[in-house]
Amino acid sequence: MKYLFVAMGPGETGQARALAKHISKQREEILFALHQEKNLSFLSEDKEFKVFLTKTPEELKKIIKKEKPQILLFFNPKMWGNYPEFYENPFPKPPLALGVDSNWLFNNKRYPSSKFIEWLDKYLVLFPEKIFNLGLKENGGDFFVPKKILRKIIPVGFIPAYQKPSKKTAPEIKEKYKIKRGEKFIFAYFGGFGSRHRVFAFNNLISAVEKLIKKGRKIKVLYIGPTENLHPKKLKKGWLFKKDSLPADEYFLTLSGADLVFQHQGKVTLSQAISAQVPVIC
C-alpha cells in the first residue's frame, strides 16, 4: 500500500510523521508532500520516507499523477484556501482521501463551510469522541458544525507521537546547552502562526523572564521558530538562544530536557510535553 501524507505547518508535519512512523513498521510505502519549505528539517533524519515540496495544488497534482498513492491524507485540509480550484475540481482522486484536522477546526466556533472539501471521503478530527461531542452546540457546547460536514467527521482521539525519554536525557540536554547547576531551562516554541499572530505571547515570555531574573532566578530560554516579526531588541538577551527549527527527534529530546515548555498553541508540542512530563504554559 502506498500512502501520501500532505502536511501544512510544523504541527501537522509532526502529527503526520508520528502516524507515518507507526504505519512504516508494516512495511508500507510512505510519501510526504510538505506545504512549507521550513518543514523539510522535521523529516531530515527519516530516510525511509520520500519527501516532496508542494507549495501549490498544481505541484501536488503532478506528484499524485506520477506516484499514484492508494491513500491520501491531508493534515489540515484547509491549507489551500486561496485556491478555489483545489476544492472544486481535484486531481485524479486516490481510492481513499482523508482530512486530518485538529485545533484548526474550532477557531471561530463555526466550521468554515467555504473551506470544506466535498470530495474528501472522511474527516478524522483529533479529539476524543466524548470531548468532541460535548463541544457541539446541540449538546450544550460552543461550536456549530453543519450537518453535511458532521456526517463526514470521525473523532479519532489524539495521535500518541512519543514516549517518555530515559532519565539521563535531561542532564545530557542541559549539558549540551550549557545550562549550569541551579539554572532553569525553558523550551519556547512558536510556529509561523505563533510568531506572526501571537507576538504578545513572546513579549509576555520575555517580560516574565526579565522580572524573575531581577528577583535572582537563573534562567535560560531556547526559542524555536521564526524571528522576522519579533522586536530585535527583545531577541538580544544573554539568556536567550535562538534556532529556526530542529529535526523531529532532536526537537522532542530537547523539549524533554527542559524544566518548562512555553508555547503559543501547537497540539503536537503540547502532547510531546505531556509525554515527557514537562510542565507547560500554553
C-alpha atoms as a PDB file:
ATOM      1  CA  MET A   1       0.000   0.000   0.000  1.00  0.00           C
ATOM      2  CA  LYS A   2       1.270   3.485  -0.861  1.00  0.00           C
ATOM      3  CA  TYR A   3       0.340   6.445   1.361  1.00  0.00           C
ATOM      4  CA  LEU A   4       0.770  10.149   0.587  1.00  0.00           C
ATOM      5  CA  PHE A   5       0.763  12.483   3.594  1.00  0.00           C
ATOM      6  CA  VAL A   6       0.209  16.167   2.755  1.00  0.00           C
ATOM      7  CA  ALA A   7       1.096  18.433   5.704  1.00  0.00           C
ATOM      8  CA  MET A   8       0.786  22.169   6.224  1.00  0.00           C
ATOM      9  CA  GLY A   9       2.748  23.551   9.217  1.00  0.00           C
ATOM     10  CA  PRO A  10       5.247  22.187  11.755  1.00  0.00           C
ATOM     11  CA  GLY A  11       2.493  20.810  13.998  1.00  0.00           C
ATOM     12  CA  GLU A  12       0.746  18.991  11.180  1.00  0.00           C
ATOM     13  CA  THR A  13       4.088  17.639   9.951  1.00  0.00           C
ATOM     14  CA  GLY A  14       4.735  16.298  13.456  1.00  0.00           C
ATOM     15  CA  GLN A  15       1.326  14.613  13.521  1.00  0.00           C
ATOM     16  CA  ALA A  16       1.873  13.123  10.068  1.00  0.00           C
ATOM     17  CA  ARG A  17       5.345  11.881  10.976  1.00  0.00           C
ATOM     18  CA  ALA A  18       4.050  10.153  14.124  1.00  0.00           C
ATOM     19  CA  LEU A  19       1.428   8.259  12.120  1.00  0.00           C
ATOM     20  CA  ALA A  20       3.899   7.522   9.315  1.00  0.00           C
ATOM     21  CA  LYS A  21       6.415   6.022  11.768  1.00  0.00           C
ATOM     22  CA  HIS A  22       3.711   3.672  13.020  1.00  0.00           C
ATOM     23  CA  ILE A  23       2.494   2.656   9.551  1.00  0.00           C
ATOM     24  CA  SER A  24       6.021   2.181   8.184  1.00  0.00           C
ATOM     25  CA  LYS A  25       6.547  -0.671  10.675  1.00  0.00           C
ATOM     26  CA  GLN A  26       4.134  -2.645   8.495  1.00  0.00           C
ATOM     27  CA  ARG A  27       6.481  -2.109   5.528  1.00  0.00           C
ATOM     28  CA  GLU A  28       4.041   0.242   3.816  1.00  0.00           C
ATOM     29  CA  GLU A  29       5.407   2.911   1.438  1.00  0.00           C
ATOM     30  CA  ILE A  30       5.100   6.454   2.791  1.00  0.00           C
ATOM     31  CA  LEU A  31       5.392   9.657   0.739  1.00  0.00           C
ATOM     32  CA  PHE A  32       5.329  13.180   2.165  1.00  0.00           C
ATOM     33  CA  ALA A  33       4.230  16.373   0.401  1.00  0.00           C
ATOM     34  CA  LEU A  34       5.123  19.375   2.563  1.00  0.00           C
ATOM     35  CA  HIS A  35       3.430  22.714   2.013  1.00  0.00           C
ATOM     36  CA  GLN A  36       6.162  24.804   3.691  1.00  0.00           C
ATOM     37  CA  GLU A  37       9.872  24.540   2.921  1.00  0.00           C
ATOM     38  CA  LYS A  38      10.902  25.086   6.560  1.00  0.00           C
ATOM     39  CA  ASN A  39       9.201  21.797   7.489  1.00  0.00           C
ATOM     40  CA  LEU A  40      11.718  19.770   5.486  1.00  0.00           C
ATOM     41  CA  SER A  41      14.019  19.835   8.539  1.00  0.00           C
ATOM     42  CA  PHE A  42      11.455  17.845  10.557  1.00  0.00           C
ATOM     43  CA  LEU A  43      11.990  14.869   8.260  1.00  0.00           C
ATOM     44  CA  SER A  44      15.704  15.323   7.582  1.00  0.00           C
ATOM     45  CA  GLU A  45      16.646  12.194   9.560  1.00  0.00           C
ATOM     46  CA  ASP A  46      13.853   9.964   8.199  1.00  0.00           C
ATOM     47  CA  LYS A  47      15.482   8.351   5.193  1.00  0.00           C
ATOM     48  CA  GLU A  48      12.682   5.773   4.843  1.00  0.00           C
ATOM     49  CA  PHE A  49      10.269   8.443   3.541  1.00  0.00           C
ATOM     50  CA  LYS A  50      10.251  10.031   0.090  1.00  0.00           C
ATOM     51  CA  VAL A  51       9.689  13.764   0.629  1.00  0.00           C
ATOM     52  CA  PHE A  52       8.406  16.382  -1.835  1.00  0.00           C
ATOM     53  CA  LEU A  53       7.854  20.127  -1.505  1.00  0.00           C
ATOM     54  CA  THR A  54       4.432  21.087  -2.931  1.00  0.00           C
ATOM     55  CA  LYS A  55       3.635  24.767  -2.393  1.00  0.00           C
ATOM     56  CA  THR A  56       0.640  24.771  -4.776  1.00  0.00           C
ATOM     57  CA  PRO A  57      -2.163  22.316  -5.654  1.00  0.00           C
ATOM     58  CA  GLU A  58      -0.709  22.043  -9.162  1.00  0.00           C
ATOM     59  CA  GLU A  59       2.587  20.718  -7.760  1.00  0.00           C
ATOM     60  CA  LEU A  60       0.696  18.220  -5.628  1.00  0.00           C
ATOM     61  CA  LYS A  61      -1.368  17.129  -8.621  1.00  0.00           C
ATOM     62  CA  LYS A  62       1.821  16.204 -10.514  1.00  0.00           C
ATOM     63  CA  ILE A  63       3.041  14.083  -7.581  1.00  0.00           C
ATOM     64  CA  ILE A  64      -0.289  12.234  -7.342  1.00  0.00           C
ATOM     65  CA  LYS A  65      -0.358  11.533 -11.089  1.00  0.00           C
ATOM     66  CA  LYS A  66       3.195  10.208 -11.024  1.00  0.00           C
ATOM     67  CA  GLU A  67       3.210   8.257  -7.741  1.00  0.00           C
ATOM     68  CA  LYS A  68      -0.432   7.003  -7.774  1.00  0.00           C
ATOM     69  CA  PRO A  69      -0.940   6.616  -3.981  1.00  0.00           C
ATOM     70  CA  GLN A  70      -3.825   4.450  -2.775  1.00  0.00           C
ATOM     71  CA  ILE A  71      -4.411   6.532   0.370  1.00  0.00           C
ATOM     72  CA  LEU A  72      -4.185  10.324   0.593  1.00  0.00           C
ATOM     73  CA  LEU A  73      -4.189  12.137   3.948  1.00  0.00           C
ATOM     74  CA  PHE A  74      -4.310  15.943   4.325  1.00  0.00           C
ATOM     75  CA  PHE A  75      -3.018  17.152   7.682  1.00  0.00           C
ATOM     76  CA  ASN A  76      -5.039  20.387   7.834  1.00  0.00           C
ATOM     77  CA  PRO A  77      -7.121  20.189   4.634  1.00  0.00           C
ATOM     78  CA  LYS A  78      -7.648  23.987   4.693  1.00  0.00           C
ATOM     79  CA  MET A  79      -4.060  24.702   3.673  1.00  0.00           C
ATOM     80  CA  TRP A  80      -5.012  25.864   0.181  1.00  0.00           C
ATOM     81  CA  GLY A  81      -7.875  28.220   0.973  1.00  0.00           C
ATOM     82  CA  ASN A  82      -6.694  30.670  -1.703  1.00  0.00           C
ATOM     83  CA  TYR A  83      -7.025  28.075  -4.473  1.00  0.00           C
ATOM     84  CA  PRO A  84     -10.770  27.506  -5.139  1.00  0.00           C
ATOM     85  CA  GLU A  85      -9.974  25.021  -7.904  1.00  0.00           C
ATOM     86  CA  PHE A  86      -8.483  22.730  -5.233  1.00  0.00           C
ATOM     87  CA  TYR A  87     -11.883  22.499  -3.521  1.00  0.00           C
ATOM     88  CA  GLU A  88     -13.956  22.239  -6.677  1.00  0.00           C
ATOM     89  CA  ASN A  89     -12.009  20.144  -9.159  1.00  0.00           C
ATOM     90  CA  PRO A  90      -9.283  17.937  -7.684  1.00  0.00           C
ATOM     91  CA  PHE A  91      -6.690  15.742  -9.329  1.00  0.00           C
ATOM     92  CA  PRO A  92      -7.458  12.075 -10.070  1.00  0.00           C
ATOM     93  CA  LYS A  93      -8.636  11.137  -6.567  1.00  0.00           C
ATOM     94  CA  PRO A  94      -6.985   8.109  -4.924  1.00  0.00           C
ATOM     95  CA  PRO A  95      -9.301   5.305  -3.705  1.00  0.00           C
ATOM     96  CA  LEU A  96      -9.311   6.803  -0.203  1.00  0.00           C
ATOM     97  CA  ALA A  97      -8.816  10.510   0.587  1.00  0.00           C
ATOM     98  CA  LEU A  98      -8.974  11.722   4.193  1.00  0.00           C
ATOM     99  CA  GLY A  99      -8.637  15.006   6.027  1.00  0.00           C
ATOM    100  CA  VAL A 100      -6.907  15.065   9.428  1.00  0.00           C
ATOM    101  CA  ASP A 101      -7.909  18.158  11.418  1.00  0.00           C
ATOM    102  CA  SER A 102      -7.013  19.339  14.925  1.00  0.00           C
ATOM    103  CA  ASN A 103      -7.183  22.716  16.660  1.00  0.00           C
ATOM    104  CA  TRP A 104      -7.920  24.490  13.377  1.00  0.00           C
ATOM    105  CA  LEU A 105     -11.446  23.089  13.454  1.00  0.00           C
ATOM    106  CA  PHE A 106     -12.852  25.418  16.100  1.00  0.00           C
ATOM    107  CA  ASN A 107     -11.033  28.720  15.615  1.00  0.00           C
ATOM    108  CA  ASN A 108     -14.278  30.639  15.017  1.00  0.00           C
ATOM    109  CA  LYS A 109     -16.882  28.475  16.808  1.00  0.00           C
ATOM    110  CA  ARG A 110     -18.355  27.574  13.429  1.00  0.00           C
ATOM    111  CA  TYR A 111     -16.742  25.260  10.920  1.00  0.00           C
ATOM    112  CA  PRO A 112     -15.971  27.345   7.787  1.00  0.00           C
ATOM    113  CA  SER A 113     -18.150  25.712   5.124  1.00  0.00           C
ATOM    114  CA  SER A 114     -16.226  27.574   2.418  1.00  0.00           C
ATOM    115  CA  LYS A 115     -13.123  25.555   3.361  1.00  0.00           C
ATOM    116  CA  PHE A 116     -14.916  22.183   3.463  1.00  0.00           C
ATOM    117  CA  ILE A 117     -13.638  19.770   0.791  1.00  0.00           C
ATOM    118  CA  GLU A 118     -16.632  17.857  -0.571  1.00  0.00           C
ATOM    119  CA  TRP A 119     -14.546  15.201  -2.322  1.00  0.00           C
ATOM    120  CA  LEU A 120     -12.752  14.003   0.828  1.00  0.00           C
ATOM    121  CA  ASP A 121     -14.207  10.706   1.999  1.00  0.00           C
ATOM    122  CA  LYS A 122     -13.939  11.432   5.731  1.00  0.00           C
ATOM    123  CA  TYR A 123     -12.553  13.994   8.171  1.00  0.00           C
ATOM    124  CA  LEU A 124     -10.575  12.493  11.054  1.00  0.00           C
ATOM    125  CA  VAL A 125     -10.740  15.012  13.904  1.00  0.00           C
ATOM    126  CA  LEU A 126      -8.009  14.781  16.542  1.00  0.00           C
ATOM    127  CA  PHE A 127     -10.288  14.969  19.568  1.00  0.00           C
ATOM    128  CA  PRO A 128     -11.560  12.088  21.713  1.00  0.00           C
ATOM    129  CA  GLU A 129     -15.184  11.430  20.716  1.00  0.00           C
ATOM    130  CA  LYS A 130     -16.605  12.395  24.119  1.00  0.00           C
ATOM    131  CA  ILE A 131     -14.801  15.762  24.150  1.00  0.00           C
ATOM    132  CA  PHE A 132     -15.785  16.470  20.540  1.00  0.00           C
ATOM    133  CA  ASN A 133     -19.479  15.731  21.181  1.00  0.00           C
ATOM    134  CA  LEU A 134     -19.568  17.813  24.374  1.00  0.00           C
ATOM    135  CA  GLY A 135     -18.225  20.773  22.409  1.00  0.00           C
ATOM    136  CA  LEU A 136     -21.105  20.791  19.899  1.00  0.00           C
ATOM    137  CA  LYS A 137     -23.807  23.455  20.194  1.00  0.00           C
ATOM    138  CA  GLU A 138     -26.574  20.859  20.138  1.00  0.00           C
ATOM    139  CA  ASN A 139     -25.081  19.241  23.246  1.00  0.00           C
ATOM    140  CA  GLY A 140     -24.685  22.480  25.182  1.00  0.00           C
ATOM    141  CA  GLY A 141     -21.216  23.373  23.867  1.00  0.00           C
ATOM    142  CA  ASP A 142     -19.988  26.408  21.926  1.00  0.00           C
ATOM    143  CA  PHE A 143     -19.274  25.014  18.464  1.00  0.00           C
ATOM    144  CA  PHE A 144     -21.507  24.578  15.447  1.00  0.00           C
ATOM    145  CA  VAL A 145     -20.712  22.157  12.631  1.00  0.00           C
ATOM    146  CA  PRO A 146     -23.215  21.959   9.719  1.00  0.00           C
ATOM    147  CA  LYS A 147     -24.921  18.579   9.290  1.00  0.00           C
ATOM    148  CA  LYS A 148     -23.391  17.871   5.879  1.00  0.00           C
ATOM    149  CA  ILE A 149     -19.930  18.263   7.424  1.00  0.00           C
ATOM    150  CA  LEU A 150     -20.756  16.483  10.669  1.00  0.00           C
ATOM    151  CA  ARG A 151     -21.762  13.362   8.716  1.00  0.00           C
ATOM    152  CA  LYS A 152     -18.196  13.066   7.410  1.00  0.00           C
ATOM    153  CA  ILE A 153     -16.440  13.641  10.739  1.00  0.00           C
ATOM    154  CA  ILE A 154     -14.941  10.825  12.820  1.00  0.00           C
ATOM    155  CA  PRO A 155     -13.355  11.885  16.143  1.00  0.00           C
ATOM    156  CA  VAL A 156     -10.327   9.595  16.484  1.00  0.00           C
ATOM    157  CA  GLY A 157      -8.574  10.945  19.587  1.00  0.00           C
ATOM    158  CA  PHE A 158      -5.049  12.317  19.791  1.00  0.00           C
ATOM    159  CA  ILE A 159      -2.054  10.892  17.928  1.00  0.00           C
ATOM    160  CA  PRO A 160       0.429   9.490  20.507  1.00  0.00           C
ATOM    161  CA  ALA A 161       3.704  10.541  18.942  1.00  0.00           C
ATOM    162  CA  TYR A 162       6.311   9.979  21.632  1.00  0.00           C
ATOM    163  CA  GLN A 163       7.155   8.030  24.768  1.00  0.00           C
ATOM    164  CA  LYS A 164       8.732   9.410  27.911  1.00  0.00           C
ATOM    165  CA  PRO A 165      12.544   9.529  27.417  1.00  0.00           C
ATOM    166  CA  SER A 166      15.068   7.986  29.786  1.00  0.00           C
ATOM    167  CA  LYS A 167      16.155   9.786  32.975  1.00  0.00           C
ATOM    168  CA  LYS A 168      19.623  10.539  31.562  1.00  0.00           C
ATOM    169  CA  THR A 169      18.176  12.645  28.723  1.00  0.00           C
ATOM    170  CA  ALA A 170      17.570  15.851  30.701  1.00  0.00           C
ATOM    171  CA  PRO A 171      21.135  16.130  32.100  1.00  0.00           C
ATOM    172  CA  GLU A 172      22.578  15.462  28.627  1.00  0.00           C
ATOM    173  CA  ILE A 173      20.425  18.177  27.040  1.00  0.00           C
ATOM    174  CA  LYS A 174      21.286  20.687  29.743  1.00  0.00           C
ATOM    175  CA  GLU A 175      24.977  19.962  29.300  1.00  0.00           C
ATOM    176  CA  LYS A 176      24.647  20.496  25.534  1.00  0.00           C
ATOM    177  CA  TYR A 177      23.084  23.932  26.028  1.00  0.00           C
ATOM    178  CA  LYS A 178      25.458  24.840  28.875  1.00  0.00           C
ATOM    179  CA  ILE A 179      22.707  25.035  31.481  1.00  0.00           C
ATOM    180  CA  LYS A 180      24.530  25.312  34.792  1.00  0.00           C
ATOM    181  CA  ARG A 181      23.551  23.807  38.132  1.00  0.00           C
ATOM    182  CA  GLY A 182      20.791  25.931  39.660  1.00  0.00           C
ATOM    183  CA  GLU A 183      19.647  27.367  36.310  1.00  0.00           C
ATOM    184  CA  LYS A 184      16.183  26.689  34.907  1.00  0.00           C
ATOM    185  CA  PHE A 185      15.835  25.789  31.227  1.00  0.00           C
ATOM    186  CA  ILE A 186      12.743  26.969  29.281  1.00  0.00           C
ATOM    187  CA  PHE A 187      11.887  25.499  25.868  1.00  0.00           C
ATOM    188  CA  ALA A 188       9.844  28.115  23.942  1.00  0.00           C
ATOM    189  CA  TYR A 189       8.160  27.050  20.694  1.00  0.00           C
ATOM    190  CA  PHE A 190       6.471  29.478  18.272  1.00  0.00           C
ATOM    191  CA  GLY A 191       5.431  28.218  14.845  1.00  0.00           C
ATOM    192  CA  GLY A 192       4.701  30.534  11.919  1.00  0.00           C
ATOM    193  CA  PHE A 193       1.201  31.267  13.203  1.00  0.00           C
ATOM    194  CA  GLY A 194       2.505  31.994  16.685  1.00  0.00           C
ATOM    195  CA  SER A 195       5.352  34.261  15.597  1.00  0.00           C
ATOM    196  CA  ARG A 196       3.063  36.258  13.279  1.00  0.00           C
ATOM    197  CA  HIS A 197      -0.211  36.475  15.212  1.00  0.00           C
ATOM    198  CA  ARG A 198       0.785  35.703  18.808  1.00  0.00           C
ATOM    199  CA  VAL A 199       3.692  38.141  19.195  1.00  0.00           C
ATOM    200  CA  PHE A 200       2.167  39.274  22.502  1.00  0.00           C
ATOM    201  CA  ALA A 201       2.810  35.798  23.909  1.00  0.00           C
ATOM    202  CA  PHE A 202       6.512  36.061  23.075  1.00  0.00           C
ATOM    203  CA  ASN A 203       6.642  39.552  24.619  1.00  0.00           C
ATOM    204  CA  ASN A 204       4.985  38.179  27.759  1.00  0.00           C
ATOM    205  CA  LEU A 205       7.639  35.461  27.960  1.00  0.00           C
ATOM    206  CA  ILE A 206      10.482  37.991  27.716  1.00  0.00           C
ATOM    207  CA  SER A 207       8.870  40.277  30.287  1.00  0.00           C
ATOM    208  CA  ALA A 208       8.221  37.449  32.759  1.00  0.00           C
ATOM    209  CA  VAL A 209      11.760  36.050  32.499  1.00  0.00           C
ATOM    210  CA  GLU A 210      13.283  39.509  32.964  1.00  0.00           C
ATOM    211  CA  LYS A 211      11.239  40.037  36.144  1.00  0.00           C
ATOM    212  CA  LEU A 212      12.286  36.629  37.512  1.00  0.00           C
ATOM    213  CA  ILE A 213      15.953  37.281  36.739  1.00  0.00           C
ATOM    214  CA  LYS A 214      15.742  40.617  38.605  1.00  0.00           C
ATOM    215  CA  LYS A 215      14.495  38.619  41.599  1.00  0.00           C
ATOM    216  CA  GLY A 216      17.620  36.482  41.468  1.00  0.00           C
ATOM    217  CA  ARG A 217      16.377  33.499  39.475  1.00  0.00           C
ATOM    218  CA  LYS A 218      18.789  31.926  36.988  1.00  0.00           C
ATOM    219  CA  ILE A 219      17.046  31.144  33.711  1.00  0.00           C
ATOM    220  CA  LYS A 220      17.959  30.331  30.116  1.00  0.00           C
ATOM    221  CA  VAL A 221      15.486  30.133  27.236  1.00  0.00           C
ATOM    222  CA  LEU A 222      15.728  28.276  23.924  1.00  0.00           C
ATOM    223  CA  TYR A 223      13.434  29.890  21.335  1.00  0.00           C
ATOM    224  CA  ILE A 224      12.396  27.713  18.367  1.00  0.00           C
ATOM    225  CA  GLY A 225      10.686  29.498  15.471  1.00  0.00           C
ATOM    226  CA  PRO A 226      10.760  32.428  13.018  1.00  0.00           C
ATOM    227  CA  THR A 227      12.030  35.768  14.299  1.00  0.00           C
ATOM    228  CA  GLU A 228      11.256  38.262  11.498  1.00  0.00           C
ATOM    229  CA  ASN A 229       8.185  39.698  13.273  1.00  0.00           C
ATOM    230  CA  LEU A 230       9.785  39.884  16.724  1.00  0.00           C
ATOM    231  CA  HIS A 231      11.413  43.033  18.095  1.00  0.00           C
ATOM    232  CA  PRO A 232      15.214  42.794  17.547  1.00  0.00           C
ATOM    233  CA  LYS A 233      15.896  44.284  20.978  1.00  0.00           C
ATOM    234  CA  LYS A 234      13.908  41.518  22.686  1.00  0.00           C
ATOM    235  CA  LEU A 235      15.963  38.896  20.835  1.00  0.00           C
ATOM    236  CA  LYS A 236      19.303  40.249  22.102  1.00  0.00           C
ATOM    237  CA  LYS A 237      19.224  38.779  25.582  1.00  0.00           C
ATOM    238  CA  GLY A 238      22.220  36.962  27.025  1.00  0.00           C
ATOM    239  CA  TRP A 239      19.940  34.261  28.408  1.00  0.00           C
ATOM    240  CA  LEU A 240      18.072  33.653  25.095  1.00  0.00           C
ATOM    241  CA  PHE A 241      19.196  31.100  22.460  1.00  0.00           C
ATOM    242  CA  LYS A 242      17.526  31.019  19.030  1.00  0.00           C
ATOM    243  CA  LYS A 243      17.005  28.252  16.466  1.00  0.00           C
ATOM    244  CA  ASP A 244      14.740  28.306  13.410  1.00  0.00           C
ATOM    245  CA  SER A 245      13.909  24.619  13.773  1.00  0.00           C
ATOM    246  CA  LEU A 246      15.218  21.231  14.873  1.00  0.00           C
ATOM    247  CA  PRO A 247      14.902  17.719  13.375  1.00  0.00           C
ATOM    248  CA  ALA A 248      11.882  15.932  14.846  1.00  0.00           C
ATOM    249  CA  ASP A 249      13.711  13.581  17.233  1.00  0.00           C
ATOM    250  CA  GLU A 250      16.118  16.272  18.441  1.00  0.00           C
ATOM    251  CA  TYR A 251      13.166  18.629  18.944  1.00  0.00           C
ATOM    252  CA  PHE A 252      11.457  16.164  21.283  1.00  0.00           C
ATOM    253  CA  LEU A 253      14.595  15.237  23.214  1.00  0.00           C
ATOM    254  CA  THR A 254      15.483  18.911  23.696  1.00  0.00           C
ATOM    255  CA  LEU A 255      11.962  19.652  24.887  1.00  0.00           C
ATOM    256  CA  SER A 256      12.072  16.700  27.275  1.00  0.00           C
ATOM    257  CA  GLY A 257      15.246  18.061  28.870  1.00  0.00           C
ATOM    258  CA  ALA A 258      13.614  21.385  29.765  1.00  0.00           C
ATOM    259  CA  ASP A 259      12.142  22.487  33.089  1.00  0.00           C
ATOM    260  CA  LEU A 260       9.249  24.262  31.365  1.00  0.00           C
ATOM    261  CA  VAL A 261       7.682  24.389  27.902  1.00  0.00           C
ATOM    262  CA  PHE A 262       6.229  27.747  26.801  1.00  0.00           C
ATOM    263  CA  GLN A 263       4.261  27.702  23.529  1.00  0.00           C
ATOM    264  CA  HIS A 264       1.721  29.738  21.569  1.00  0.00           C
ATOM    265  CA  GLN A 265      -0.722  26.833  20.971  1.00  0.00           C
ATOM    266  CA  GLY A 266       0.501  23.778  18.983  1.00  0.00           C
ATOM    267  CA  LYS A 267      -1.176  20.499  19.958  1.00  0.00           C
ATOM    268  CA  VAL A 268       1.734  18.352  18.847  1.00  0.00           C
ATOM    269  CA  THR A 269       4.162  20.207  21.111  1.00  0.00           C
ATOM    270  CA  LEU A 270       1.627  20.001  23.947  1.00  0.00           C
ATOM    271  CA  SER A 271       1.301  16.223  23.539  1.00  0.00           C
ATOM    272  CA  GLN A 272       5.096  15.890  23.499  1.00  0.00           C
ATOM    273  CA  ALA A 273       5.381  17.864  26.740  1.00  0.00           C
ATOM    274  CA  ILE A 274       2.735  15.643  28.335  1.00  0.00           C
ATOM    275  CA  SER A 275       4.640  12.548  27.130  1.00  0.00           C
ATOM    276  CA  ALA A 276       7.879  13.879  28.627  1.00  0.00           C
ATOM    277  CA  GLN A 277       6.107  15.012  31.823  1.00  0.00           C
ATOM    278  CA  VAL A 278       7.395  18.581  31.487  1.00  0.00           C
ATOM    279  CA  PRO A 279       5.184  21.440  32.802  1.00  0.00           C
ATOM    280  CA  VAL A 280       3.599  23.618  30.093  1.00  0.00           C
ATOM    281  CA  ILE A 281       2.379  27.195  29.734  1.00  0.00           C
ATOM    282  CA  CYS A 282       0.287  27.245  26.568  1.00  0.00           C
END
